[in-house]
C-alpha atoms as a PDB file:
ATOM      1  CA  MET A   1     -57.288  -7.600  64.774  1.00  0.00           C
ATOM      2  CA  ALA A   2     -55.039  -4.858  63.387  1.00  0.00           C
ATOM      3  CA  GLU A   3     -53.336  -7.325  61.046  1.00  0.00           C
ATOM      4  CA  ALA A   4     -56.714  -8.543  59.777  1.00  0.00           C
ATOM      5  CA  THR A   5     -57.766  -4.948  59.091  1.00  0.00           C
ATOM      6  CA  LYS A   6     -54.568  -4.315  57.143  1.00  0.00           C
ATOM      7  CA  LYS A   7     -55.136  -7.474  55.117  1.00  0.00           C
ATOM      8  CA  ARG A   8     -58.691  -6.434  54.234  1.00  0.00           C
ATOM      9  CA  LYS A   9     -57.388  -3.042  53.179  1.00  0.00           C
ATOM     10  CA  ARG A  10     -54.681  -4.619  50.985  1.00  0.00           C
ATOM     11  CA  ASP A  11     -57.236  -6.976  49.441  1.00  0.00           C
ATOM     12  CA  ALA A  12     -59.594  -4.089  48.756  1.00  0.00           C
ATOM     13  CA  GLU A  13     -56.821  -2.034  47.131  1.00  0.00           C
ATOM     14  CA  ALA A  14     -55.753  -5.008  45.009  1.00  0.00           C
ATOM     15  CA  THR A  15     -59.328  -5.636  43.872  1.00  0.00           C
ATOM     16  CA  ARG A  16     -59.822  -1.980  43.012  1.00  0.00           C
ATOM     17  CA  ALA A  17     -56.558  -1.945  41.040  1.00  0.00           C
ATOM     18  CA  ARG A  18     -57.575  -5.060  39.082  1.00  0.00           C
ATOM     19  CA  ILE A  19     -60.920  -3.512  38.246  1.00  0.00           C
ATOM     20  CA  LEU A  20     -59.284  -0.306  37.035  1.00  0.00           C
ATOM     21  CA  LEU A  21     -56.832  -2.205  34.853  1.00  0.00           C
ATOM     22  CA  ALA A  22     -59.563  -4.388  33.375  1.00  0.00           C
ATOM     23  CA  ALA A  23     -61.785  -1.363  32.813  1.00  0.00           C
ATOM     24  CA  LYS A  24     -58.998   0.521  31.069  1.00  0.00           C
ATOM     25  CA  LYS A  25     -58.586  -2.309  28.572  1.00  0.00           C
ATOM     26  CA  GLU A  26     -62.337  -2.685  28.032  1.00  0.00           C
ATOM     27  CA  PHE A  27     -62.999   1.048  27.630  1.00  0.00           C
ATOM     28  CA  ALA A  28     -59.997   1.399  25.317  1.00  0.00           C
ATOM     29  CA  LYS A  29     -61.297  -1.444  23.167  1.00  0.00           C
ATOM     30  CA  SER A  30     -65.005  -0.606  23.096  1.00  0.00           C
ATOM     31  CA  GLY A  31     -65.445   2.944  24.351  1.00  0.00           C
ATOM     32  CA  LEU A  32     -67.852   3.925  27.104  1.00  0.00           C
ATOM     33  CA  GLY A  33     -70.940   2.958  25.143  1.00  0.00           C
ATOM     34  CA  GLY A  34     -69.697  -0.448  24.034  1.00  0.00           C
ATOM     35  CA  ALA A  35     -67.929  -1.484  27.223  1.00  0.00           C
ATOM     36  CA  ARG A  36     -69.698  -4.128  29.299  1.00  0.00           C
ATOM     37  CA  VAL A  37     -69.524  -4.315  33.073  1.00  0.00           C
ATOM     38  CA  ASP A  38     -69.783  -8.103  32.853  1.00  0.00           C
ATOM     39  CA  GLU A  39     -66.649  -8.195  30.701  1.00  0.00           C
ATOM     40  CA  ILE A  40     -64.799  -5.883  33.079  1.00  0.00           C
ATOM     41  CA  ALA A  41     -65.745  -8.060  36.050  1.00  0.00           C
ATOM     42  CA  GLU A  42     -64.540 -11.179  34.265  1.00  0.00           C
ATOM     43  CA  ARG A  43     -61.256  -9.548  33.249  1.00  0.00           C
ATOM     44  CA  ALA A  44     -60.713  -8.361  36.833  1.00  0.00           C
ATOM     45  CA  ASN A  45     -61.605 -11.698  38.404  1.00  0.00           C
ATOM     46  CA  ALA A  46     -64.207  -9.813  40.417  1.00  0.00           C
ATOM     47  CA  ASN A  47     -67.988  -9.548  40.392  1.00  0.00           C
ATOM     48  CA  LYS A  48     -70.303  -6.747  39.305  1.00  0.00           C
ATOM     49  CA  ARG A  49     -71.296  -6.060  42.880  1.00  0.00           C
ATOM     50  CA  MET A  50     -67.691  -5.119  43.712  1.00  0.00           C
ATOM     51  CA  ILE A  51     -67.530  -2.759  40.740  1.00  0.00           C
ATOM     52  CA  TYR A  52     -70.660  -0.956  41.883  1.00  0.00           C
ATOM     53  CA  HIS A  53     -69.374  -0.968  45.467  1.00  0.00           C
ATOM     54  CA  TYR A  54     -66.061   0.682  44.607  1.00  0.00           C
ATOM     55  CA  PHE A  55     -67.113   2.950  41.756  1.00  0.00           C
ATOM     56  CA  GLY A  56     -70.886   3.336  41.720  1.00  0.00           C
ATOM     57  CA  GLY A  57     -71.521   2.526  38.056  1.00  0.00           C
ATOM     58  CA  LYS A  58     -70.055   2.326  34.563  1.00  0.00           C
ATOM     59  CA  GLU A  59     -69.770   6.083  33.997  1.00  0.00           C
ATOM     60  CA  GLU A  60     -68.141   6.613  37.374  1.00  0.00           C
ATOM     61  CA  LEU A  61     -65.723   3.802  36.581  1.00  0.00           C
ATOM     62  CA  PHE A  62     -64.941   5.449  33.249  1.00  0.00           C
ATOM     63  CA  CYS A  63     -64.183   8.687  35.114  1.00  0.00           C
ATOM     64  CA  ALA A  64     -61.837   6.826  37.470  1.00  0.00           C
ATOM     65  CA  VAL A  65     -60.036   5.205  34.537  1.00  0.00           C
ATOM     66  CA  LEU A  66     -59.616   8.556  32.785  1.00  0.00           C
ATOM     67  CA  GLU A  67     -58.326  10.200  35.933  1.00  0.00           C
ATOM     68  CA  GLU A  68     -55.784   7.454  36.512  1.00  0.00           C
ATOM     69  CA  ALA A  69     -54.664   7.592  32.863  1.00  0.00           C
ATOM     70  CA  TYR A  70     -54.079  11.352  32.891  1.00  0.00           C
ATOM     71  CA  LEU A  71     -52.435  11.355  36.312  1.00  0.00           C
ATOM     72  CA  ASP A  72     -50.122   8.522  35.273  1.00  0.00           C
ATOM     73  CA  ILE A  73     -48.644  10.389  32.306  1.00  0.00           C
ATOM     74  CA  ARG A  74     -48.361  13.619  34.294  1.00  0.00           C
ATOM     75  CA  ASP A  75     -46.588  11.767  37.122  1.00  0.00           C
ATOM     76  CA  ALA A  76     -44.213  10.127  34.644  1.00  0.00           C
ATOM     77  CA  GLU A  77     -43.380  13.547  33.165  1.00  0.00           C
ATOM     78  CA  GLN A  78     -42.548  14.918  36.602  1.00  0.00           C
ATOM     79  CA  ARG A  79     -40.219  11.994  37.252  1.00  0.00           C
ATOM     80  CA  LEU A  80     -38.113  13.022  34.242  1.00  0.00           C
ATOM     81  CA  LYS A  81     -36.533  15.744  36.426  1.00  0.00           C
ATOM     82  CA  LEU A  82     -36.246  18.071  33.440  1.00  0.00           C
ATOM     83  CA  ASP A  83     -35.474  21.092  35.622  1.00  0.00           C
ATOM     84  CA  ASP A  84     -32.108  19.495  36.419  1.00  0.00           C
ATOM     85  CA  MET A  85     -31.106  19.287  32.730  1.00  0.00           C
ATOM     86  CA  PRO A  86     -29.813  21.849  30.206  1.00  0.00           C
ATOM     87  CA  PRO A  87     -32.809  23.301  28.317  1.00  0.00           C
ATOM     88  CA  ARG A  88     -32.116  21.689  24.932  1.00  0.00           C
ATOM     89  CA  ASP A  89     -31.560  18.278  26.521  1.00  0.00           C
ATOM     90  CA  ALA A  90     -34.667  18.709  28.664  1.00  0.00           C
ATOM     91  CA  LEU A  91     -36.892  19.568  25.726  1.00  0.00           C
ATOM     92  CA  GLU A  92     -35.578  16.704  23.611  1.00  0.00           C
ATOM     93  CA  LYS A  93     -36.108  14.289  26.497  1.00  0.00           C
ATOM     94  CA  LEU A  94     -39.718  15.442  26.851  1.00  0.00           C
ATOM     95  CA  VAL A  95     -40.382  14.956  23.125  1.00  0.00           C
ATOM     96  CA  ARG A  96     -38.865  11.467  23.169  1.00  0.00           C
ATOM     97  CA  PHE A  97     -40.668  10.565  26.384  1.00  0.00           C
ATOM     98  CA  THR A  98     -44.060  11.629  25.003  1.00  0.00           C
ATOM     99  CA  TRP A  99     -43.568   9.497  21.894  1.00  0.00           C
ATOM    100  CA  SER A 100     -42.388   6.523  23.919  1.00  0.00           C
ATOM    101  CA  TYR A 101     -45.281   6.840  26.357  1.00  0.00           C
ATOM    102  CA  TYR A 102     -47.834   6.776  23.547  1.00  0.00           C
ATOM    103  CA  LEU A 103     -46.202   3.688  22.065  1.00  0.00           C
ATOM    104  CA  LYS A 104     -46.099   1.846  25.380  1.00  0.00           C
ATOM    105  CA  ASN A 105     -49.591   2.939  26.475  1.00  0.00           C
ATOM    106  CA  PRO A 106     -51.869   2.728  23.419  1.00  0.00           C
ATOM    107  CA  GLU A 107     -54.915   2.626  25.709  1.00  0.00           C
ATOM    108  CA  PHE A 108     -54.184   6.228  26.693  1.00  0.00           C
ATOM    109  CA  ILE A 109     -54.733   7.421  23.145  1.00  0.00           C
ATOM    110  CA  THR A 110     -57.951   5.484  22.647  1.00  0.00           C
ATOM    111  CA  LEU A 111     -59.304   6.642  26.016  1.00  0.00           C
ATOM    112  CA  VAL A 112     -58.602  10.269  25.100  1.00  0.00           C
ATOM    113  CA  ASN A 113     -60.283   9.746  21.725  1.00  0.00           C
ATOM    114  CA  SER A 114     -63.304   8.269  23.461  1.00  0.00           C
ATOM    115  CA  GLU A 115     -63.578  11.157  25.908  1.00  0.00           C
ATOM    116  CA  ASN A 116     -63.350  13.668  23.065  1.00  0.00           C
ATOM    117  CA  LEU A 117     -66.369  11.999  21.497  1.00  0.00           C
ATOM    118  CA  HIS A 118     -68.152  12.852  24.756  1.00  0.00           C
ATOM    119  CA  ARG A 119     -66.890  16.465  24.562  1.00  0.00           C
ATOM    120  CA  ALA A 120     -64.853  16.088  27.789  1.00  0.00           C
ATOM    121  CA  LYS A 121     -68.056  15.484  29.744  1.00  0.00           C
ATOM    122  CA  HIS A 122     -66.392  13.166  32.256  1.00  0.00           C
ATOM    123  CA  ILE A 123     -63.059  14.855  32.898  1.00  0.00           C
ATOM    124  CA  LYS A 124     -64.801  18.159  33.606  1.00  0.00           C
ATOM    125  CA  GLY A 125     -65.723  16.723  36.990  1.00  0.00           C
ATOM    126  CA  LEU A 126     -62.145  15.700  37.804  1.00  0.00           C
ATOM    127  CA  LYS A 127     -60.633  18.617  39.716  1.00  0.00           C
ATOM    128  CA  THR A 128     -57.197  16.979  39.882  1.00  0.00           C
ATOM    129  CA  LEU A 129     -56.535  17.232  36.144  1.00  0.00           C
ATOM    130  CA  PRO A 130     -56.326  21.001  35.488  1.00  0.00           C
ATOM    131  CA  GLN A 131     -53.818  21.308  38.320  1.00  0.00           C
ATOM    132  CA  THR A 132     -51.574  18.578  36.916  1.00  0.00           C
ATOM    133  CA  MET A 133     -51.784  20.081  33.432  1.00  0.00           C
ATOM    134  CA  ARG A 134     -50.724  23.444  34.821  1.00  0.00           C
ATOM    135  CA  GLY A 135     -47.730  21.653  36.299  1.00  0.00           C
ATOM    136  CA  LEU A 136     -46.730  20.401  32.835  1.00  0.00           C
ATOM    137  CA  VAL A 137     -47.192  23.823  31.237  1.00  0.00           C
ATOM    138  CA  ASP A 138     -45.137  25.438  33.999  1.00  0.00           C
ATOM    139  CA  MET A 139     -42.415  22.843  33.522  1.00  0.00           C
ATOM    140  CA  VAL A 140     -42.196  23.561  29.800  1.00  0.00           C
ATOM    141  CA  ALA A 141     -42.369  27.302  30.401  1.00  0.00           C
ATOM    142  CA  ASP A 142     -39.359  26.967  32.705  1.00  0.00           C
ATOM    143  CA  ILE A 143     -37.419  25.058  30.024  1.00  0.00           C
ATOM    144  CA  LEU A 144     -38.244  27.767  27.488  1.00  0.00           C
ATOM    145  CA  GLU A 145     -37.239  30.538  29.865  1.00  0.00           C
ATOM    146  CA  ARG A 146     -33.924  28.872  30.656  1.00  0.00           C
ATOM    147  CA  GLY A 147     -33.292  28.260  26.957  1.00  0.00           C
ATOM    148  CA  GLU A 148     -34.058  31.879  26.120  1.00  0.00           C
ATOM    149  CA  LYS A 149     -31.667  33.126  28.815  1.00  0.00           C
ATOM    150  CA  ALA A 150     -28.965  30.813  27.429  1.00  0.00           C
ATOM    151  CA  GLY A 151     -29.500  32.246  23.950  1.00  0.00           C
ATOM    152  CA  GLU A 152     -30.627  28.875  22.583  1.00  0.00           C
ATOM    153  CA  PHE A 153     -34.385  29.443  22.264  1.00  0.00           C
ATOM    154  CA  ARG A 154     -36.217  32.366  20.726  1.00  0.00           C
ATOM    155  CA  ALA A 155     -38.431  34.578  22.845  1.00  0.00           C
ATOM    156  CA  GLY A 156     -42.216  34.613  22.894  1.00  0.00           C
ATOM    157  CA  ILE A 157     -42.990  30.890  22.624  1.00  0.00           C
ATOM    158  CA  ASP A 158     -46.280  29.940  24.253  1.00  0.00           C
ATOM    159  CA  ALA A 159     -45.699  26.933  26.525  1.00  0.00           C
ATOM    160  CA  THR A 160     -49.264  25.680  26.094  1.00  0.00           C
ATOM    161  CA  GLN A 161     -49.009  25.801  22.308  1.00  0.00           C
ATOM    162  CA  LEU A 162     -45.689  23.984  22.429  1.00  0.00           C
ATOM    163  CA  ASN A 163     -47.172  21.269  24.651  1.00  0.00           C
ATOM    164  CA  ILE A 164     -50.024  20.798  22.184  1.00  0.00           C
ATOM    165  CA  THR A 165     -47.578  20.533  19.290  1.00  0.00           C
ATOM    166  CA  ILE A 166     -45.365  18.001  21.070  1.00  0.00           C
ATOM    167  CA  ALA A 167     -48.423  15.846  21.748  1.00  0.00           C
ATOM    168  CA  ALA A 168     -49.894  16.328  18.281  1.00  0.00           C
ATOM    169  CA  ILE A 169     -46.905  15.273  16.191  1.00  0.00           C
ATOM    170  CA  GLY A 170     -46.846  11.908  17.944  1.00  0.00           C
ATOM    171  CA  TYR A 171     -50.563  11.515  18.573  1.00  0.00           C
ATOM    172  CA  TYR A 172     -51.657  12.105  14.958  1.00  0.00           C
ATOM    173  CA  TYR A 173     -49.092   9.705  13.554  1.00  0.00           C
ATOM    174  CA  LEU A 174     -50.234   6.884  15.838  1.00  0.00           C
ATOM    175  CA  THR A 175     -53.985   7.458  15.631  1.00  0.00           C
ATOM    176  CA  ASN A 176     -53.738   7.428  11.840  1.00  0.00           C
ATOM    177  CA  ARG A 177     -51.236   4.597  11.535  1.00  0.00           C
ATOM    178  CA  PHE A 178     -53.580   2.243   9.681  1.00  0.00           C
ATOM    179  CA  THR A 179     -54.894   4.702   7.105  1.00  0.00           C
ATOM    180  CA  GLY A 180     -51.460   6.309   6.837  1.00  0.00           C
ATOM    181  CA  SER A 181     -49.726   2.993   6.196  1.00  0.00           C
ATOM    182  CA  TYR A 182     -52.141   2.306   3.342  1.00  0.00           C
ATOM    183  CA  LEU A 183     -52.174   5.782   1.812  1.00  0.00           C
ATOM    184  CA  PHE A 184     -48.407   6.363   2.029  1.00  0.00           C
ATOM    185  CA  ASP A 185     -47.650   2.778   1.031  1.00  0.00           C
ATOM    186  CA  ARG A 186     -45.330   2.132   3.937  1.00  0.00           C
ATOM    187  CA  ASP A 187     -45.599   0.412   7.291  1.00  0.00           C
ATOM    188  CA  LEU A 188     -45.701   3.322   9.722  1.00  0.00           C
ATOM    189  CA  MET A 189     -45.215   0.961  12.655  1.00  0.00           C
ATOM    190  CA  ASP A 190     -42.057  -0.664  11.297  1.00  0.00           C
ATOM    191  CA  ARG A 191     -39.156  -0.230  13.715  1.00  0.00           C
ATOM    192  CA  ASP A 192     -37.136   1.870  11.273  1.00  0.00           C
ATOM    193  CA  ALA A 193     -40.191   3.999  10.493  1.00  0.00           C
ATOM    194  CA  LEU A 194     -40.779   4.642  14.198  1.00  0.00           C
ATOM    195  CA  ASP A 195     -37.137   5.597  14.745  1.00  0.00           C
ATOM    196  CA  THR A 196     -37.245   7.924  11.747  1.00  0.00           C
ATOM    197  CA  ARG A 197     -40.427   9.509  13.026  1.00  0.00           C
ATOM    198  CA  ILE A 198     -39.174  10.309  16.512  1.00  0.00           C
ATOM    199  CA  ASP A 199     -35.981  11.798  15.084  1.00  0.00           C
ATOM    200  CA  PHE A 200     -38.151  13.944  12.806  1.00  0.00           C
ATOM    201  CA  ASN A 201     -40.314  14.992  15.766  1.00  0.00           C
ATOM    202  CA  VAL A 202     -37.275  16.059  17.770  1.00  0.00           C
ATOM    203  CA  GLU A 203     -35.830  18.020  14.840  1.00  0.00           C
ATOM    204  CA  THR A 204     -39.194  19.710  14.231  1.00  0.00           C
ATOM    205  CA  ILE A 205     -39.516  20.889  17.813  1.00  0.00           C
ATOM    206  CA  MET A 206     -35.916  21.991  18.066  1.00  0.00           C
ATOM    207  CA  ARG A 207     -36.163  24.051  14.867  1.00  0.00           C
ATOM    208  CA  LEU A 208     -39.419  25.537  16.115  1.00  0.00           C
ATOM    209  CA  VAL A 209     -37.886  26.882  19.325  1.00  0.00           C
ATOM    210  CA  ALA A 210     -34.369  27.671  18.076  1.00  0.00           C
ATOM    211  CA  ALA A 211     -33.096  31.219  18.427  1.00  0.00           C
ATOM    212  CA  ASP A 212     -32.792  33.117  15.146  1.00  0.00           C
END
């Protein structure tokens, strides 16, 4: 009996995970308004009844997808163990990680764009997210403090503003890659172009925080 209960639990967790993955792809492609529960069910090899059973409805499923997306990147940042590294190395690693994460997880960017269209309506109900964001800000604040004490970083840098800038210099480039490639007459997603961009991002951040 116990083994059967464990199996049902594993099956339920696997089904829920498949639904979340399928929903992430569908919401990233079509947004909340355009996403179809039927399509999500087909992608997940599940049925609509299971989606409503686990999540309640399309908006609740969208909330679950957003929560998982934000928690995933925050968890990945924590696993970098930046507090064990010299401050300059730690900051550079964070900049490179952020860029790499956006490249490997394009759905994250489109999900964030979609939620901004809804004026953060859905994430405002997710109490886990502000806490994890505070963890990131505190982590960067610690890097800045250690860099200042070592004489490498200037004083008075706002950790929140620096976090926004690190995200922005990668985020903008990728969200505007199609228009940018046309207007600048270069393939912004070419391998050499991507390598050049991340090197530029790192240099930009390092010059921004460098001690006078």
